[in-house]
């Protein structure tokens, strides 16, 4: 299996993100659910080239907090 760019794949899956004017994405951590030819299901991950393992762990931890509803955006916190 060869590495492949996934931008068009994410587009075909309808992946979108809400960014404000002037926001500059710098890294990405992508988790994909894949169904193999034999019907088995697996998870695969990809990260941007400059992303180090500490940032990967931090992004995963933040994603868990967001998904579990424990994330508070400091801009909205009065």
N, C-alpha and C. Protein backbone atom coordinates (compact mmCIF):
# COMPACT_ATOMS: atom_id res chain seq x y z
N UNK A 1 0.86 -1.19 0.00
CA UNK A 1 0.00 0.00 0.00
C UNK A 1 0.89 1.24 0.00
N UNK A 2 0.64 2.13 -0.92
CA UNK A 2 1.44 3.35 -1.05
C UNK A 2 0.73 4.52 -0.38
N UNK A 3 1.53 5.42 0.17
CA UNK A 3 0.94 6.65 0.72
C UNK A 3 0.27 7.42 -0.41
N UNK A 4 -0.84 8.06 -0.08
CA UNK A 4 -1.54 8.87 -1.07
C UNK A 4 -2.12 10.12 -0.44
N UNK A 5 -2.20 11.16 -1.21
CA UNK A 5 -2.81 12.41 -0.76
C UNK A 5 -4.29 12.17 -0.51
N UNK A 6 -4.86 12.79 0.53
CA UNK A 6 -6.26 12.50 0.88
C UNK A 6 -7.18 13.71 0.79
N UNK A 7 -6.71 14.81 0.25
CA UNK A 7 -7.55 16.00 0.14
C UNK A 7 -8.83 15.74 -0.64
N UNK A 8 -8.71 15.14 -1.82
CA UNK A 8 -9.89 14.86 -2.62
C UNK A 8 -10.78 13.81 -1.96
N UNK A 9 -10.16 12.86 -1.27
CA UNK A 9 -10.93 11.85 -0.55
C UNK A 9 -11.79 12.50 0.53
N UNK A 10 -11.20 13.41 1.31
CA UNK A 10 -11.97 14.12 2.34
C UNK A 10 -13.08 14.95 1.71
N UNK A 11 -12.79 15.57 0.57
CA UNK A 11 -13.83 16.33 -0.15
C UNK A 11 -14.97 15.41 -0.55
N UNK A 12 -14.65 14.22 -1.08
CA UNK A 12 -15.69 13.30 -1.54
C UNK A 12 -16.53 12.76 -0.38
N UNK A 13 -15.96 12.74 0.83
CA UNK A 13 -16.71 12.31 2.01
C UNK A 13 -17.53 13.45 2.62
N UNK A 14 -17.39 14.66 2.06
CA UNK A 14 -18.16 15.80 2.54
C UNK A 14 -17.61 16.42 3.81
N UNK A 15 -16.32 16.25 4.06
CA UNK A 15 -15.70 16.82 5.26
C UNK A 15 -15.55 18.33 5.08
N UNK A 16 -16.09 19.08 6.03
CA UNK A 16 -15.97 20.54 6.02
C UNK A 16 -15.56 21.01 7.41
N UNK A 17 -15.15 22.25 7.48
CA UNK A 17 -14.77 22.84 8.76
C UNK A 17 -15.15 24.32 8.74
N UNK A 18 -15.52 24.84 9.89
CA UNK A 18 -15.91 26.25 10.02
C UNK A 18 -14.69 27.05 10.45
N UNK A 19 -14.14 27.83 9.52
CA UNK A 19 -12.99 28.68 9.83
C UNK A 19 -13.39 30.13 9.68
N UNK A 20 -12.86 30.98 10.54
CA UNK A 20 -13.09 32.41 10.44
C UNK A 20 -12.12 33.03 9.44
N UNK A 21 -12.49 34.18 8.91
CA UNK A 21 -11.62 34.92 8.01
C UNK A 21 -10.28 35.16 8.69
N UNK A 22 -9.21 34.85 8.01
CA UNK A 22 -7.87 35.05 8.56
C UNK A 22 -7.32 33.86 9.32
N UNK A 23 -8.14 32.84 9.62
CA UNK A 23 -7.64 31.64 10.28
C UNK A 23 -6.65 30.93 9.35
N UNK A 24 -5.59 30.38 9.93
CA UNK A 24 -4.57 29.72 9.12
C UNK A 24 -4.32 28.31 9.66
N UNK A 25 -4.93 27.31 9.06
CA UNK A 25 -4.66 25.93 9.49
C UNK A 25 -3.18 25.60 9.32
N UNK A 26 -2.58 24.97 10.33
CA UNK A 26 -1.15 24.67 10.26
C UNK A 26 -0.84 23.18 10.37
N UNK A 27 -1.70 22.40 10.96
CA UNK A 27 -1.48 20.96 11.10
C UNK A 27 -2.80 20.23 11.04
N UNK A 28 -2.72 18.93 10.74
CA UNK A 28 -3.93 18.12 10.68
C UNK A 28 -3.64 16.72 11.20
N UNK A 29 -4.64 16.17 11.87
CA UNK A 29 -4.62 14.78 12.32
C UNK A 29 -5.94 14.18 11.86
N UNK A 30 -5.88 13.21 10.97
CA UNK A 30 -7.08 12.66 10.34
C UNK A 30 -7.23 11.20 10.74
N UNK A 31 -8.44 10.83 11.15
CA UNK A 31 -8.76 9.45 11.49
C UNK A 31 -9.85 8.99 10.53
N UNK A 32 -9.59 7.89 9.82
CA UNK A 32 -10.54 7.39 8.82
C UNK A 32 -11.00 5.98 9.17
N UNK A 33 -12.29 5.74 9.01
CA UNK A 33 -12.84 4.39 9.11
C UNK A 33 -12.82 3.81 7.71
N UNK A 34 -12.20 2.65 7.55
CA UNK A 34 -12.02 2.04 6.24
C UNK A 34 -12.62 0.65 6.24
N UNK A 35 -13.38 0.33 5.21
CA UNK A 35 -13.89 -1.03 5.03
C UNK A 35 -13.02 -1.68 3.95
N UNK A 36 -12.35 -2.76 4.34
CA UNK A 36 -11.45 -3.47 3.43
C UNK A 36 -12.24 -4.31 2.43
N UNK A 37 -11.55 -4.80 1.39
CA UNK A 37 -12.18 -5.64 0.37
C UNK A 37 -12.85 -6.88 0.97
N UNK A 38 -12.28 -7.40 2.06
CA UNK A 38 -12.84 -8.62 2.68
C UNK A 38 -13.97 -8.31 3.67
N UNK A 39 -14.33 -7.03 3.80
CA UNK A 39 -15.43 -6.63 4.68
C UNK A 39 -15.01 -6.24 6.08
N UNK A 40 -13.75 -6.43 6.43
CA UNK A 40 -13.30 -6.03 7.76
C UNK A 40 -13.22 -4.51 7.84
N UNK A 41 -13.41 -4.01 9.04
CA UNK A 41 -13.39 -2.56 9.28
C UNK A 41 -12.14 -2.23 10.07
N UNK A 42 -11.47 -1.17 9.68
CA UNK A 42 -10.29 -0.74 10.42
C UNK A 42 -10.27 0.78 10.52
N UNK A 43 -9.43 1.27 11.40
CA UNK A 43 -9.18 2.70 11.53
C UNK A 43 -7.76 2.97 11.07
N UNK A 44 -7.60 4.01 10.28
CA UNK A 44 -6.26 4.43 9.87
C UNK A 44 -6.12 5.91 10.18
N UNK A 45 -4.90 6.34 10.45
CA UNK A 45 -4.69 7.74 10.77
C UNK A 45 -3.61 8.32 9.88
N UNK A 46 -3.70 9.60 9.69
CA UNK A 46 -2.70 10.35 8.94
C UNK A 46 -2.48 11.68 9.65
N UNK A 47 -1.27 12.16 9.59
CA UNK A 47 -0.95 13.46 10.18
C UNK A 47 -0.16 14.28 9.18
N UNK A 48 -0.23 15.59 9.33
CA UNK A 48 0.57 16.46 8.46
C UNK A 48 2.05 16.26 8.77
N UNK A 49 2.88 16.56 7.79
CA UNK A 49 4.32 16.26 7.89
C UNK A 49 5.00 16.90 9.09
N UNK A 50 4.58 18.08 9.48
CA UNK A 50 5.29 18.79 10.56
C UNK A 50 4.75 18.47 11.95
N UNK A 51 3.72 17.63 12.04
CA UNK A 51 3.09 17.36 13.33
C UNK A 51 3.92 16.36 14.14
N UNK A 52 4.35 16.77 15.34
CA UNK A 52 5.13 15.90 16.20
C UNK A 52 4.20 15.09 17.12
N UNK A 53 4.73 14.05 17.75
CA UNK A 53 3.88 13.14 18.52
C UNK A 53 3.24 13.82 19.73
N UNK A 54 3.89 14.79 20.31
CA UNK A 54 3.31 15.49 21.46
C UNK A 54 2.07 16.26 21.03
N UNK A 55 2.16 16.93 19.88
CA UNK A 55 1.00 17.66 19.37
C UNK A 55 -0.12 16.71 18.96
N UNK A 56 0.24 15.53 18.42
CA UNK A 56 -0.78 14.52 18.08
C UNK A 56 -1.56 14.12 19.32
N UNK A 57 -0.86 13.83 20.41
CA UNK A 57 -1.53 13.44 21.66
C UNK A 57 -2.40 14.59 22.17
N UNK A 58 -1.88 15.81 22.10
CA UNK A 58 -2.66 16.97 22.53
C UNK A 58 -3.92 17.16 21.70
N UNK A 59 -3.80 16.99 20.38
CA UNK A 59 -4.96 17.14 19.51
C UNK A 59 -5.99 16.04 19.78
N UNK A 60 -5.53 14.82 20.01
CA UNK A 60 -6.45 13.72 20.33
C UNK A 60 -7.18 13.99 21.65
N UNK A 61 -6.44 14.46 22.64
CA UNK A 61 -7.04 14.76 23.94
C UNK A 61 -8.07 15.88 23.80
N UNK A 62 -7.73 16.91 23.05
CA UNK A 62 -8.67 18.01 22.83
C UNK A 62 -9.91 17.51 22.09
N UNK A 63 -9.72 16.65 21.09
CA UNK A 63 -10.86 16.11 20.33
C UNK A 63 -11.80 15.33 21.25
N UNK A 64 -11.24 14.56 22.17
CA UNK A 64 -12.07 13.81 23.13
C UNK A 64 -12.88 14.76 24.00
N UNK A 65 -12.26 15.83 24.46
CA UNK A 65 -12.98 16.81 25.28
C UNK A 65 -14.09 17.49 24.48
N UNK A 66 -13.80 17.82 23.23
CA UNK A 66 -14.81 18.44 22.37
C UNK A 66 -15.97 17.49 22.15
N UNK A 67 -15.68 16.23 21.80
CA UNK A 67 -16.72 15.24 21.52
C UNK A 67 -17.55 14.91 22.76
N UNK A 68 -16.92 14.95 23.92
CA UNK A 68 -17.63 14.64 25.17
C UNK A 68 -18.30 15.85 25.80
N UNK A 69 -18.23 17.00 25.13
CA UNK A 69 -18.92 18.20 25.59
C UNK A 69 -18.24 18.90 26.75
N UNK A 70 -16.98 18.60 27.02
CA UNK A 70 -16.29 19.23 28.15
C UNK A 70 -15.40 20.38 27.72
N UNK A 71 -15.42 20.70 26.43
CA UNK A 71 -14.59 21.79 25.91
C UNK A 71 -15.34 23.11 26.04
N UNK A 72 -14.67 24.12 26.56
CA UNK A 72 -15.25 25.46 26.65
C UNK A 72 -14.36 26.40 25.87
N UNK A 73 -14.94 27.06 24.89
CA UNK A 73 -14.21 28.05 24.09
C UNK A 73 -13.99 29.28 24.97
N UNK A 74 -12.75 29.62 25.23
CA UNK A 74 -12.44 30.74 26.13
C UNK A 74 -13.03 32.05 25.61
N UNK A 75 -13.25 32.16 24.29
CA UNK A 75 -13.85 33.38 23.76
C UNK A 75 -15.30 33.53 24.18
N UNK A 76 -15.95 32.39 24.46
CA UNK A 76 -17.36 32.40 24.86
C UNK A 76 -17.55 32.36 26.38
N UNK A 77 -16.45 32.18 27.12
CA UNK A 77 -16.51 32.04 28.57
C UNK A 77 -16.49 33.43 29.22
N UNK A 78 -17.58 33.79 29.89
CA UNK A 78 -17.64 35.13 30.52
C UNK A 78 -17.26 35.06 31.95
